[in-house]
Amino acid sequence: MGAMVSRGKVLLAAPRGYCAGVDRAVVTVEKALELYGPPVYVRKEIVHNRYVVDTLAARGAVFVSETDEVPEGAVVVFSAHGVAPVVHEQAAARHLRTIDATCPLVTKVHNEARRFADEGYRILLIGHEGHEEVEGTMGEAPEVMTLVEGPDAVADLDLAEDEKVVWLSQTTLSVDETMQTVEALQERLPGLVSPPSDDICYATQNRQVAVKAVAPRSDVLIVVGSANSSNSVRLLEVGLQVGAPVGYRVDTAAELQPEWFDGAATIGLTSGASVPEILVRDVIARLAELGFDEVEEVDVVEERLVFALPPELRREMKAAGTA
């Protein structure tokens, strides 16, 4: 189909897409497949993106829900979201060769949880029940950790006034909503301790800042990302909160509906931290077909962070002469 009459432009948020932790996790699976050959088992989705998971599965990655689905002695990669200590124990009991692709920023929260638990604190973890990252972090100190799902949950907390209490958070939340929860907690617990540094990851924050720059100028906001991607879902919420009149989250360009853009002149576009740029490029191409053929990149901050691959994988690659 040829391009229609030009109807308007696309405001492309930057930064968007892959963060350092996601890039590291995906490359970890790719390198493990090269090093060991398929199958390489992966516990849970390596990152929350349908296209990435399907692409790796086609290359020989086998995604499982739990370690007991992995054959004894096989190679298993732990996802970027992190796992509880009990999962490491289960893997050791099955003699699995583990490669831990947990994002270093999630590992930081795990370390904080252990330290505060050792120091006798009650830990309030701000996050979403059932999310893999939350399950992993809670597993570090389940006996002293309570999940707080948002500001509305604060009133129901059963806490003594004189308890030593600290808050931590899932790394992929809305910055604004998390701070609302923290403020509600501080009102309830004046002695509440904060972590030494913000737990919400740099990439989540940067993508939210970028979408805030784009959304108020947009007639329609498109967020590329999967339904189970917390940071992608938060991006759409943030964009709508700051002024986008309407918005949609899509996995791929195929989900775009032409009627969404009736009467629109400016389309805002961003993508979650687990989304490869090829999916954004496909959306840009489809929007051009629909007449939105001018692209303006709105760049709010430059990201340079890169994480080294997991040390156990680097050692094996070096030994094999592929590092």
C-alpha atoms as a PDB file:
ATOM      1  CA  MET A   1       0.000   0.000   0.000  1.00  0.00           C
ATOM      2  CA  GLY A   2       1.400   3.401  -0.943  1.00  0.00           C
ATOM      3  CA  ALA A   3       1.739   6.258   1.493  1.00  0.00           C
ATOM      4  CA  MET A   4      -1.399   8.271   2.092  1.00  0.00           C
ATOM      5  CA  VAL A   5      -1.544  12.051   2.064  1.00  0.00           C
ATOM      6  CA  SER A   6       0.633  13.319   4.909  1.00  0.00           C
ATOM      7  CA  ARG A   7      -1.559  13.686   7.991  1.00  0.00           C
ATOM      8  CA  GLY A   8       0.960  14.572  10.643  1.00  0.00           C
ATOM      9  CA  LYS A   9       4.003  13.475  12.550  1.00  0.00           C
ATOM     10  CA  VAL A  10       5.349  11.030  15.096  1.00  0.00           C
ATOM     11  CA  LEU A  11       7.035  12.227  18.300  1.00  0.00           C
ATOM     12  CA  LEU A  12       9.519   9.492  19.108  1.00  0.00           C
ATOM     13  CA  ALA A  13      10.553   9.392  22.772  1.00  0.00           C
ATOM     14  CA  ALA A  14      14.201   8.856  23.704  1.00  0.00           C
ATOM     15  CA  PRO A  15      15.411   7.017  25.572  1.00  0.00           C
ATOM     16  CA  ARG A  16      13.123   4.078  24.881  1.00  0.00           C
ATOM     17  CA  GLY A  17      13.457   0.327  24.437  1.00  0.00           C
ATOM     18  CA  TYR A  18      16.231  -1.927  25.673  1.00  0.00           C
ATOM     19  CA  CYS A  19      17.917  -1.057  28.947  1.00  0.00           C
ATOM     20  CA  ALA A  20      21.333  -2.360  29.999  1.00  0.00           C
ATOM     21  CA  GLY A  21      19.841  -5.146  32.139  1.00  0.00           C
ATOM     22  CA  VAL A  22      17.595  -6.452  29.359  1.00  0.00           C
ATOM     23  CA  ASP A  23      20.380  -6.281  26.775  1.00  0.00           C
ATOM     24  CA  ARG A  24      22.656  -8.241  29.127  1.00  0.00           C
ATOM     25  CA  ALA A  25      19.987 -10.898  29.770  1.00  0.00           C
ATOM     26  CA  VAL A  26      19.141 -11.439  26.091  1.00  0.00           C
ATOM     27  CA  VAL A  27      22.825 -11.593  25.082  1.00  0.00           C
ATOM     28  CA  THR A  28      23.404 -14.061  27.949  1.00  0.00           C
ATOM     29  CA  VAL A  29      20.920 -16.517  26.421  1.00  0.00           C
ATOM     30  CA  GLU A  30      22.323 -15.972  22.906  1.00  0.00           C
ATOM     31  CA  LYS A  31      25.912 -16.592  24.097  1.00  0.00           C
ATOM     32  CA  ALA A  32      24.856 -19.643  26.139  1.00  0.00           C
ATOM     33  CA  LEU A  33      23.235 -21.127  23.016  1.00  0.00           C
ATOM     34  CA  GLU A  34      26.449 -20.509  21.047  1.00  0.00           C
ATOM     35  CA  LEU A  35      28.622 -21.957  23.803  1.00  0.00           C
ATOM     36  CA  TYR A  36      26.630 -25.044  24.818  1.00  0.00           C
ATOM     37  CA  GLY A  37      24.338 -25.555  21.841  1.00  0.00           C
ATOM     38  CA  PRO A  38      20.596 -26.001  22.248  1.00  0.00           C
ATOM     39  CA  PRO A  39      18.681 -26.685  24.319  1.00  0.00           C
ATOM     40  CA  VAL A  40      19.500 -24.042  26.910  1.00  0.00           C
ATOM     41  CA  TYR A  41      16.789 -23.846  29.539  1.00  0.00           C
ATOM     42  CA  VAL A  42      15.522 -20.497  30.816  1.00  0.00           C
ATOM     43  CA  ARG A  43      13.491 -20.197  34.014  1.00  0.00           C
ATOM     44  CA  LYS A  44      10.527 -17.874  33.278  1.00  0.00           C
ATOM     45  CA  GLU A  45      10.592 -15.412  30.387  1.00  0.00           C
ATOM     46  CA  ILE A  46      14.142 -14.016  30.154  1.00  0.00           C
ATOM     47  CA  VAL A  47      12.541 -10.573  29.757  1.00  0.00           C
ATOM     48  CA  HIS A  48       8.866  -9.689  29.484  1.00  0.00           C
ATOM     49  CA  ASN A  49       8.590  -9.391  25.725  1.00  0.00           C
ATOM     50  CA  ARG A  50       6.743 -11.841  23.481  1.00  0.00           C
ATOM     51  CA  TYR A  51       8.884 -11.225  20.372  1.00  0.00           C
ATOM     52  CA  VAL A  52      12.175 -11.682  22.270  1.00  0.00           C
ATOM     53  CA  VAL A  53      10.992 -14.915  23.900  1.00  0.00           C
ATOM     54  CA  ASP A  54       9.693 -16.328  20.593  1.00  0.00           C
ATOM     55  CA  THR A  55      12.927 -15.405  18.777  1.00  0.00           C
ATOM     56  CA  LEU A  56      15.115 -17.097  21.414  1.00  0.00           C
ATOM     57  CA  ALA A  57      12.819 -20.142  21.497  1.00  0.00           C
ATOM     58  CA  ALA A  58      13.257 -20.519  17.732  1.00  0.00           C
ATOM     59  CA  ARG A  59      17.029 -20.625  18.313  1.00  0.00           C
ATOM     60  CA  GLY A  60      16.787 -23.394  20.904  1.00  0.00           C
ATOM     61  CA  ALA A  61      15.993 -21.750  24.242  1.00  0.00           C
ATOM     62  CA  VAL A  62      13.453 -23.747  26.253  1.00  0.00           C
ATOM     63  CA  PHE A  63      11.396 -21.636  28.649  1.00  0.00           C
ATOM     64  CA  VAL A  64      10.175 -23.338  31.812  1.00  0.00           C
ATOM     65  CA  SER A  65       8.217 -22.161  34.851  1.00  0.00           C
ATOM     66  CA  GLU A  66      10.288 -23.921  37.509  1.00  0.00           C
ATOM     67  CA  THR A  67      13.700 -25.541  37.869  1.00  0.00           C
ATOM     68  CA  ASP A  68      12.181 -29.018  38.369  1.00  0.00           C
ATOM     69  CA  GLU A  69      11.227 -28.951  34.658  1.00  0.00           C
ATOM     70  CA  VAL A  70      14.926 -28.766  33.714  1.00  0.00           C
ATOM     71  CA  PRO A  71      16.689 -32.127  33.167  1.00  0.00           C
ATOM     72  CA  GLU A  72      19.346 -32.953  35.784  1.00  0.00           C
ATOM     73  CA  GLY A  73      22.753 -31.501  34.895  1.00  0.00           C
ATOM     74  CA  ALA A  74      21.434 -29.203  32.142  1.00  0.00           C
ATOM     75  CA  VAL A  75      22.216 -25.507  31.651  1.00  0.00           C
ATOM     76  CA  VAL A  76      19.625 -23.099  33.028  1.00  0.00           C
ATOM     77  CA  VAL A  77      19.556 -19.301  32.794  1.00  0.00           C
ATOM     78  CA  PHE A  78      17.749 -17.294  35.476  1.00  0.00           C
ATOM     79  CA  SER A  79      15.772 -14.360  34.069  1.00  0.00           C
ATOM     80  CA  ALA A  80      16.552 -10.650  34.434  1.00  0.00           C
ATOM     81  CA  HIS A  81      13.866 -10.347  37.128  1.00  0.00           C
ATOM     82  CA  GLY A  82      15.829 -12.309  39.730  1.00  0.00           C
ATOM     83  CA  VAL A  83      15.046 -15.394  41.802  1.00  0.00           C
ATOM     84  CA  ALA A  84      14.663 -16.194  45.476  1.00  0.00           C
ATOM     85  CA  PRO A  85      17.479 -18.051  47.313  1.00  0.00           C
ATOM     86  CA  VAL A  86      15.349 -21.211  47.388  1.00  0.00           C
ATOM     87  CA  VAL A  87      15.509 -21.357  43.556  1.00  0.00           C
ATOM     88  CA  HIS A  88      19.325 -21.437  43.688  1.00  0.00           C
ATOM     89  CA  GLU A  89      19.060 -24.261  46.241  1.00  0.00           C
ATOM     90  CA  GLN A  90      16.658 -26.215  44.012  1.00  0.00           C
ATOM     91  CA  ALA A  91      19.001 -25.798  41.046  1.00  0.00           C
ATOM     92  CA  ALA A  92      21.998 -26.994  43.071  1.00  0.00           C
ATOM     93  CA  ALA A  93      20.040 -30.056  44.249  1.00  0.00           C
ATOM     94  CA  ARG A  94      19.416 -30.977  40.590  1.00  0.00           C
ATOM     95  CA  HIS A  95      23.084 -30.339  39.661  1.00  0.00           C
ATOM     96  CA  LEU A  96      22.058 -27.704  37.131  1.00  0.00           C
ATOM     97  CA  ARG A  97      24.653 -25.453  35.535  1.00  0.00           C
ATOM     98  CA  THR A  98      23.188 -22.067  36.396  1.00  0.00           C
ATOM     99  CA  ILE A  99      23.801 -18.762  34.659  1.00  0.00           C
ATOM    100  CA  ASP A 100      22.268 -15.917  36.624  1.00  0.00           C
ATOM    101  CA  ALA A 101      21.093 -13.133  34.289  1.00  0.00           C
ATOM    102  CA  THR A 102      19.428 -11.154  37.093  1.00  0.00           C
ATOM    103  CA  CYS A 103      19.713  -7.437  36.367  1.00  0.00           C
ATOM    104  CA  PRO A 104      22.389  -5.941  38.639  1.00  0.00           C
ATOM    105  CA  LEU A 105      19.881  -3.278  39.714  1.00  0.00           C
ATOM    106  CA  VAL A 106      17.529  -6.030  40.962  1.00  0.00           C
ATOM    107  CA  THR A 107      20.465  -7.708  42.699  1.00  0.00           C
ATOM    108  CA  LYS A 108      21.060  -4.394  44.488  1.00  0.00           C
ATOM    109  CA  VAL A 109      17.528  -4.554  45.943  1.00  0.00           C
ATOM    110  CA  HIS A 110      18.076  -8.201  46.996  1.00  0.00           C
ATOM    111  CA  ASN A 111      21.262  -7.161  48.794  1.00  0.00           C
ATOM    112  CA  GLU A 112      19.435  -4.323  50.541  1.00  0.00           C
ATOM    113  CA  ALA A 113      16.676  -6.720  51.640  1.00  0.00           C
ATOM    114  CA  ARG A 114      19.189  -9.121  53.195  1.00  0.00           C
ATOM    115  CA  ARG A 115      21.096  -6.325  54.918  1.00  0.00           C
ATOM    116  CA  PHE A 116      18.023  -4.652  56.412  1.00  0.00           C
ATOM    117  CA  ALA A 117      16.637  -8.027  57.524  1.00  0.00           C
ATOM    118  CA  ASP A 118      19.961  -8.794  59.248  1.00  0.00           C
ATOM    119  CA  GLU A 119      19.762  -5.415  60.998  1.00  0.00           C
ATOM    120  CA  GLY A 120      16.331  -6.252  62.439  1.00  0.00           C
ATOM    121  CA  TYR A 121      14.126  -4.137  60.182  1.00  0.00           C
ATOM    122  CA  ARG A 122      10.593  -4.840  59.050  1.00  0.00           C
ATOM    123  CA  ILE A 123      10.698  -4.349  55.267  1.00  0.00           C
ATOM    124  CA  LEU A 124       7.834  -2.855  53.270  1.00  0.00           C
ATOM    125  CA  LEU A 125       8.273  -3.769  49.605  1.00  0.00           C
ATOM    126  CA  ILE A 126       6.350  -1.514  47.218  1.00  0.00           C
ATOM    127  CA  GLY A 127       5.417  -3.582  44.179  1.00  0.00           C
ATOM    128  CA  HIS A 128       2.867  -5.716  42.336  1.00  0.00           C
ATOM    129  CA  GLU A 129       1.802  -9.082  43.709  1.00  0.00           C
ATOM    130  CA  GLY A 130       2.686 -12.010  41.461  1.00  0.00           C
ATOM    131  CA  HIS A 131       5.407 -10.169  39.503  1.00  0.00           C
ATOM    132  CA  GLU A 132       8.517 -12.338  39.215  1.00  0.00           C
ATOM    133  CA  GLU A 133      10.807  -9.613  40.527  1.00  0.00           C
ATOM    134  CA  VAL A 134       8.646  -9.210  43.645  1.00  0.00           C
ATOM    135  CA  GLU A 135       8.639 -12.976  44.251  1.00  0.00           C
ATOM    136  CA  GLY A 136      12.427 -13.057  44.033  1.00  0.00           C
ATOM    137  CA  THR A 137      12.950 -10.092  46.352  1.00  0.00           C
ATOM    138  CA  MET A 138      10.384 -11.309  48.895  1.00  0.00           C
ATOM    139  CA  GLY A 139      12.200 -14.641  48.937  1.00  0.00           C
ATOM    140  CA  GLU A 140      15.306 -12.993  50.390  1.00  0.00           C
ATOM    141  CA  ALA A 141      13.583 -12.297  53.720  1.00  0.00           C
ATOM    142  CA  PRO A 142       9.977 -13.545  53.623  1.00  0.00           C
ATOM    143  CA  GLU A 143       9.525 -13.555  57.390  1.00  0.00           C
ATOM    144  CA  VAL A 144      10.118  -9.789  57.741  1.00  0.00           C
ATOM    145  CA  MET A 145       8.807  -8.492  54.399  1.00  0.00           C
ATOM    146  CA  THR A 146       5.339  -7.154  53.613  1.00  0.00           C
ATOM    147  CA  LEU A 147       4.156  -6.247  50.115  1.00  0.00           C
ATOM    148  CA  VAL A 148       2.530  -2.819  49.701  1.00  0.00           C
ATOM    149  CA  GLU A 149       0.757  -2.525  46.344  1.00  0.00           C
ATOM    150  CA  GLY A 150       0.091   1.215  46.396  1.00  0.00           C
ATOM    151  CA  PRO A 151      -0.974   4.223  48.485  1.00  0.00           C
ATOM    152  CA  ASP A 152      -4.407   2.702  49.175  1.00  0.00           C
ATOM    153  CA  ALA A 153      -2.841  -0.326  50.890  1.00  0.00           C
ATOM    154  CA  VAL A 154      -1.051   1.720  53.553  1.00  0.00           C
ATOM    155  CA  ALA A 155      -4.039   2.139  55.893  1.00  0.00           C
ATOM    156  CA  ASP A 156      -4.465  -1.638  56.199  1.00  0.00           C
ATOM    157  CA  LEU A 157      -0.887  -2.354  57.318  1.00  0.00           C
ATOM    158  CA  ASP A 158      -0.595  -4.004  60.714  1.00  0.00           C
ATOM    159  CA  LEU A 159       2.501  -2.346  62.183  1.00  0.00           C
ATOM    160  CA  ALA A 160       3.555  -1.266  65.640  1.00  0.00           C
ATOM    161  CA  GLU A 161       4.458   2.425  65.978  1.00  0.00           C
ATOM    162  CA  ASP A 162       7.895   1.649  67.427  1.00  0.00           C
ATOM    163  CA  GLU A 163       8.958  -0.987  64.851  1.00  0.00           C
ATOM    164  CA  LYS A 164      12.128  -0.389  62.831  1.00  0.00           C
ATOM    165  CA  VAL A 165      10.690  -0.117  59.327  1.00  0.00           C
ATOM    166  CA  VAL A 166      12.330   0.464  55.937  1.00  0.00           C
ATOM    167  CA  TRP A 167      10.817   0.627  52.445  1.00  0.00           C
ATOM    168  CA  LEU A 168      12.196  -0.908  49.245  1.00  0.00           C
ATOM    169  CA  SER A 169      10.584  -1.125  45.811  1.00  0.00           C
ATOM    170  CA  GLN A 170      10.264  -3.137  42.639  1.00  0.00           C
ATOM    171  CA  THR A 171      12.573  -1.555  40.043  1.00  0.00           C
ATOM    172  CA  THR A 172       9.974  -1.080  37.260  1.00  0.00           C
ATOM    173  CA  LEU A 173       7.243   0.966  38.950  1.00  0.00           C
ATOM    174  CA  SER A 174       5.866   4.409  38.197  1.00  0.00           C
ATOM    175  CA  VAL A 175       8.166   6.867  39.954  1.00  0.00           C
ATOM    176  CA  ASP A 176       5.269   9.198  40.800  1.00  0.00           C
ATOM    177  CA  GLU A 177       2.983   6.494  42.196  1.00  0.00           C
ATOM    178  CA  THR A 178       5.819   4.993  44.241  1.00  0.00           C
ATOM    179  CA  MET A 179       6.543   8.356  45.834  1.00  0.00           C
ATOM    180  CA  GLN A 180       2.821   8.736  46.656  1.00  0.00           C
ATOM    181  CA  THR A 181       3.010   5.374  48.436  1.00  0.00           C
ATOM    182  CA  VAL A 182       6.183   6.427  50.266  1.00  0.00           C
ATOM    183  CA  GLU A 183       4.527   9.689  51.385  1.00  0.00           C
ATOM    184  CA  ALA A 184       1.511   7.756  52.696  1.00  0.00           C
ATOM    185  CA  LEU A 185       3.860   5.398  54.546  1.00  0.00           C
ATOM    186  CA  GLN A 186       5.811   8.311  56.036  1.00  0.00           C
ATOM    187  CA  GLU A 187       2.600   9.887  57.331  1.00  0.00           C
ATOM    188  CA  ARG A 188       1.653   6.615  58.977  1.00  0.00           C
ATOM    189  CA  LEU A 189       5.205   5.809  60.171  1.00  0.00           C
ATOM    190  CA  PRO A 190       7.247   8.940  60.930  1.00  0.00           C
ATOM    191  CA  GLY A 191      10.337   6.809  61.662  1.00  0.00           C
ATOM    192  CA  LEU A 192      10.261   5.055  58.272  1.00  0.00           C
ATOM    193  CA  VAL A 193      13.765   4.565  56.843  1.00  0.00           C
ATOM    194  CA  SER A 194      14.455   4.984  53.108  1.00  0.00           C
ATOM    195  CA  PRO A 195      16.930   2.848  51.142  1.00  0.00           C
ATOM    196  CA  PRO A 196      20.358   4.437  50.523  1.00  0.00           C
ATOM    197  CA  SER A 197      19.432   5.057  46.883  1.00  0.00           C
ATOM    198  CA  ASP A 198      16.213   4.927  44.883  1.00  0.00           C
ATOM    199  CA  ASP A 199      15.330   1.344  43.890  1.00  0.00           C
ATOM    200  CA  ILE A 200      13.436   2.270  40.715  1.00  0.00           C
ATOM    201  CA  CYS A 201      15.931   1.665  37.946  1.00  0.00           C
ATOM    202  CA  TYR A 202      17.494   4.441  35.882  1.00  0.00           C
ATOM    203  CA  ALA A 203      15.931   3.105  32.669  1.00  0.00           C
ATOM    204  CA  THR A 204      12.407   3.004  34.097  1.00  0.00           C
ATOM    205  CA  GLN A 205      12.811   6.579  35.331  1.00  0.00           C
ATOM    206  CA  ASN A 206      14.344   7.840  32.072  1.00  0.00           C
ATOM    207  CA  ARG A 207      11.606   6.266  29.932  1.00  0.00           C
ATOM    208  CA  GLN A 208       8.954   7.857  32.147  1.00  0.00           C
ATOM    209  CA  VAL A 209      10.649  11.262  31.876  1.00  0.00           C
ATOM    210  CA  ALA A 210      10.780  10.848  28.076  1.00  0.00           C
ATOM    211  CA  VAL A 211       7.118   9.862  27.763  1.00  0.00           C
ATOM    212  CA  LYS A 212       6.199  12.900  29.899  1.00  0.00           C
ATOM    213  CA  ALA A 213       7.941  15.095  27.295  1.00  0.00           C
ATOM    214  CA  VAL A 214       6.013  13.495  24.431  1.00  0.00           C
ATOM    215  CA  ALA A 215       2.540  12.683  25.786  1.00  0.00           C
ATOM    216  CA  PRO A 216       1.185  16.232  26.352  1.00  0.00           C
ATOM    217  CA  ARG A 217       2.012  17.107  22.727  1.00  0.00           C
ATOM    218  CA  SER A 218       0.330  13.959  21.341  1.00  0.00           C
ATOM    219  CA  ASP A 219      -3.196  13.281  20.131  1.00  0.00           C
ATOM    220  CA  VAL A 220      -2.610   9.537  20.462  1.00  0.00           C
ATOM    221  CA  LEU A 221       0.121   7.768  22.455  1.00  0.00           C
ATOM    222  CA  ILE A 222       1.449   4.357  21.391  1.00  0.00           C
ATOM    223  CA  VAL A 223       3.565   2.293  23.787  1.00  0.00           C
ATOM    224  CA  VAL A 224       5.247  -0.768  22.315  1.00  0.00           C
ATOM    225  CA  GLY A 225       5.539  -3.491  24.964  1.00  0.00           C
ATOM    226  CA  SER A 226       3.990  -6.717  26.223  1.00  0.00           C
ATOM    227  CA  ALA A 227       1.040  -6.926  28.637  1.00  0.00           C
ATOM    228  CA  ASN A 228       3.175  -8.618  31.328  1.00  0.00           C
ATOM    229  CA  SER A 229       5.893  -5.959  31.097  1.00  0.00           C
ATOM    230  CA  SER A 230       5.452  -3.832  34.213  1.00  0.00           C
ATOM    231  CA  ASN A 231       7.507  -0.911  32.934  1.00  0.00           C
ATOM    232  CA  SER A 232       5.634  -0.858  29.578  1.00  0.00           C
ATOM    233  CA  VAL A 233       2.242  -0.803  31.314  1.00  0.00           C
ATOM    234  CA  ARG A 234       3.493   1.977  33.618  1.00  0.00           C
ATOM    235  CA  LEU A 235       4.662   4.018  30.579  1.00  0.00           C
ATOM    236  CA  LEU A 236       1.132   4.073  29.185  1.00  0.00           C
ATOM    237  CA  GLU A 237      -0.314   5.015  32.601  1.00  0.00           C
ATOM    238  CA  VAL A 238       2.206   7.848  33.015  1.00  0.00           C
ATOM    239  CA  GLY A 239       1.576   9.144  29.486  1.00  0.00           C
ATOM    240  CA  LEU A 240      -2.184   9.288  30.066  1.00  0.00           C
ATOM    241  CA  GLN A 241      -1.710  10.959  33.469  1.00  0.00           C
ATOM    242  CA  VAL A 242       0.373  13.799  32.003  1.00  0.00           C
ATOM    243  CA  GLY A 243      -1.894  14.698  29.118  1.00  0.00           C
ATOM    244  CA  ALA A 244      -2.136  12.169  26.291  1.00  0.00           C
ATOM    245  CA  PRO A 245      -5.903  12.128  25.539  1.00  0.00           C
ATOM    246  CA  VAL A 246      -5.820   8.483  24.471  1.00  0.00           C
ATOM    247  CA  GLY A 247      -3.198   5.755  24.388  1.00  0.00           C
ATOM    248  CA  TYR A 248      -2.667   2.134  23.400  1.00  0.00           C
ATOM    249  CA  ARG A 249      -0.121  -0.535  24.263  1.00  0.00           C
ATOM    250  CA  VAL A 250       0.787  -2.906  21.419  1.00  0.00           C
ATOM    251  CA  ASP A 251       3.178  -5.816  21.070  1.00  0.00           C
ATOM    252  CA  THR A 252       3.718  -5.261  17.350  1.00  0.00           C
ATOM    253  CA  ALA A 253       2.734  -2.988  14.460  1.00  0.00           C
ATOM    254  CA  ALA A 254       0.151  -5.571  13.381  1.00  0.00           C
ATOM    255  CA  GLU A 255      -2.021  -4.548  16.359  1.00  0.00           C
ATOM    256  CA  LEU A 256      -2.331  -0.903  15.249  1.00  0.00           C
ATOM    257  CA  GLN A 257      -5.909  -0.044  14.219  1.00  0.00           C
ATOM    258  CA  PRO A 258      -6.272   2.732  11.605  1.00  0.00           C
ATOM    259  CA  GLU A 259      -9.386   4.130  13.339  1.00  0.00           C
ATOM    260  CA  TRP A 260      -7.301   4.942  16.438  1.00  0.00           C
ATOM    261  CA  PHE A 261      -5.760   7.793  14.469  1.00  0.00           C
ATOM    262  CA  ASP A 262      -8.909   9.393  13.034  1.00  0.00           C
ATOM    263  CA  GLY A 263      -8.620  13.167  13.465  1.00  0.00           C
ATOM    264  CA  ALA A 264      -5.113  12.922  14.964  1.00  0.00           C
ATOM    265  CA  ALA A 265      -2.188  15.075  13.819  1.00  0.00           C
ATOM    266  CA  THR A 266       0.536  14.037  16.274  1.00  0.00           C
ATOM    267  CA  ILE A 267       1.324  10.500  17.452  1.00  0.00           C
ATOM    268  CA  GLY A 268       3.515   9.935  20.502  1.00  0.00           C
ATOM    269  CA  LEU A 269       5.589   6.743  20.397  1.00  0.00           C
ATOM    270  CA  THR A 270       7.749   4.995  22.958  1.00  0.00           C
ATOM    271  CA  SER A 271       8.662   1.463  24.033  1.00  0.00           C
ATOM    272  CA  GLY A 272       9.309  -0.415  27.251  1.00  0.00           C
ATOM    273  CA  ALA A 273      12.723  -1.452  28.498  1.00  0.00           C
ATOM    274  CA  SER A 274      12.376  -5.025  27.189  1.00  0.00           C
ATOM    275  CA  VAL A 275      11.436  -4.042  23.628  1.00  0.00           C
ATOM    276  CA  PRO A 276      13.902  -4.431  20.720  1.00  0.00           C
ATOM    277  CA  GLU A 277      14.139  -1.416  18.403  1.00  0.00           C
ATOM    278  CA  ILE A 278      13.027  -3.467  15.376  1.00  0.00           C
ATOM    279  CA  LEU A 279       9.476  -3.501  16.782  1.00  0.00           C
ATOM    280  CA  VAL A 280       9.487   0.306  17.108  1.00  0.00           C
ATOM    281  CA  ARG A 281      10.799   0.646  13.542  1.00  0.00           C
ATOM    282  CA  ASP A 282       7.920  -1.570  12.329  1.00  0.00           C
ATOM    283  CA  VAL A 283       5.424   0.734  14.083  1.00  0.00           C
ATOM    284  CA  ILE A 284       7.070   3.813  12.528  1.00  0.00           C
ATOM    285  CA  ALA A 285       6.771   2.192   9.078  1.00  0.00           C
ATOM    286  CA  ARG A 286       3.100   1.355   9.648  1.00  0.00           C
ATOM    287  CA  LEU A 287       2.360   4.890  10.886  1.00  0.00           C
ATOM    288  CA  ALA A 288       4.050   6.264   7.737  1.00  0.00           C
ATOM    289  CA  GLU A 289       1.685   4.133   5.654  1.00  0.00           C
ATOM    290  CA  LEU A 290      -1.181   5.733   7.564  1.00  0.00           C
ATOM    291  CA  GLY A 291       0.126   9.209   6.691  1.00  0.00           C
ATOM    292  CA  PHE A 292       2.252  10.031   9.743  1.00  0.00           C
ATOM    293  CA  ASP A 293       5.468  10.197   7.777  1.00  0.00           C
ATOM    294  CA  GLU A 294       7.482  12.818   9.673  1.00  0.00           C
ATOM    295  CA  VAL A 295       9.409  11.635  12.739  1.00  0.00           C
ATOM    296  CA  GLU A 296      10.717  14.000  15.416  1.00  0.00           C
ATOM    297  CA  GLU A 297      12.896  12.406  18.086  1.00  0.00           C
ATOM    298  CA  VAL A 298      12.394  13.944  21.540  1.00  0.00           C
ATOM    299  CA  ASP A 299      15.585  13.165  23.439  1.00  0.00           C
ATOM    300  CA  VAL A 300      15.603  13.926  27.170  1.00  0.00           C
ATOM    301  CA  VAL A 301      18.705  12.098  28.425  1.00  0.00           C
ATOM    302  CA  GLU A 302      21.552  10.011  27.011  1.00  0.00           C
ATOM    303  CA  GLU A 303      22.072   6.525  28.424  1.00  0.00           C
ATOM    304  CA  ARG A 304      25.560   5.020  28.434  1.00  0.00           C
ATOM    305  CA  LEU A 305      25.316   2.290  31.072  1.00  0.00           C
ATOM    306  CA  VAL A 306      26.449  -1.192  30.010  1.00  0.00           C
ATOM    307  CA  PHE A 307      26.539  -4.258  32.266  1.00  0.00           C
ATOM    308  CA  ALA A 308      29.127  -7.032  31.900  1.00  0.00           C
ATOM    309  CA  LEU A 309      27.788 -10.520  31.178  1.00  0.00           C
ATOM    310  CA  PRO A 310      27.330 -12.859  34.184  1.00  0.00           C
ATOM    311  CA  PRO A 311      30.763 -13.912  35.541  1.00  0.00           C
ATOM    312  CA  GLU A 312      30.029 -17.661  35.245  1.00  0.00           C
ATOM    313  CA  LEU A 313      29.299 -17.200  31.521  1.00  0.00           C
ATOM    314  CA  ARG A 314      32.383 -15.005  30.958  1.00  0.00           C
ATOM    315  CA  ARG A 315      34.604 -17.676  32.560  1.00  0.00           C
ATOM    316  CA  GLU A 316      33.201 -20.425  30.328  1.00  0.00           C
ATOM    317  CA  MET A 317      33.474 -18.256  27.206  1.00  0.00           C
ATOM    318  CA  LYS A 318      37.095 -17.467  28.054  1.00  0.00           C
ATOM    319  CA  ALA A 319      37.859 -21.156  28.596  1.00  0.00           C
ATOM    320  CA  ALA A 320      36.282 -21.946  25.228  1.00  0.00           C
ATOM    321  CA  GLY A 321      38.205 -19.131  23.547  1.00  0.00           C
ATOM    322  CA  THR A 322      35.030 -17.248  22.550  1.00  0.00           C
ATOM    323  CA  ALA A 323      35.218 -14.338  25.009  1.00  0.00           C
END
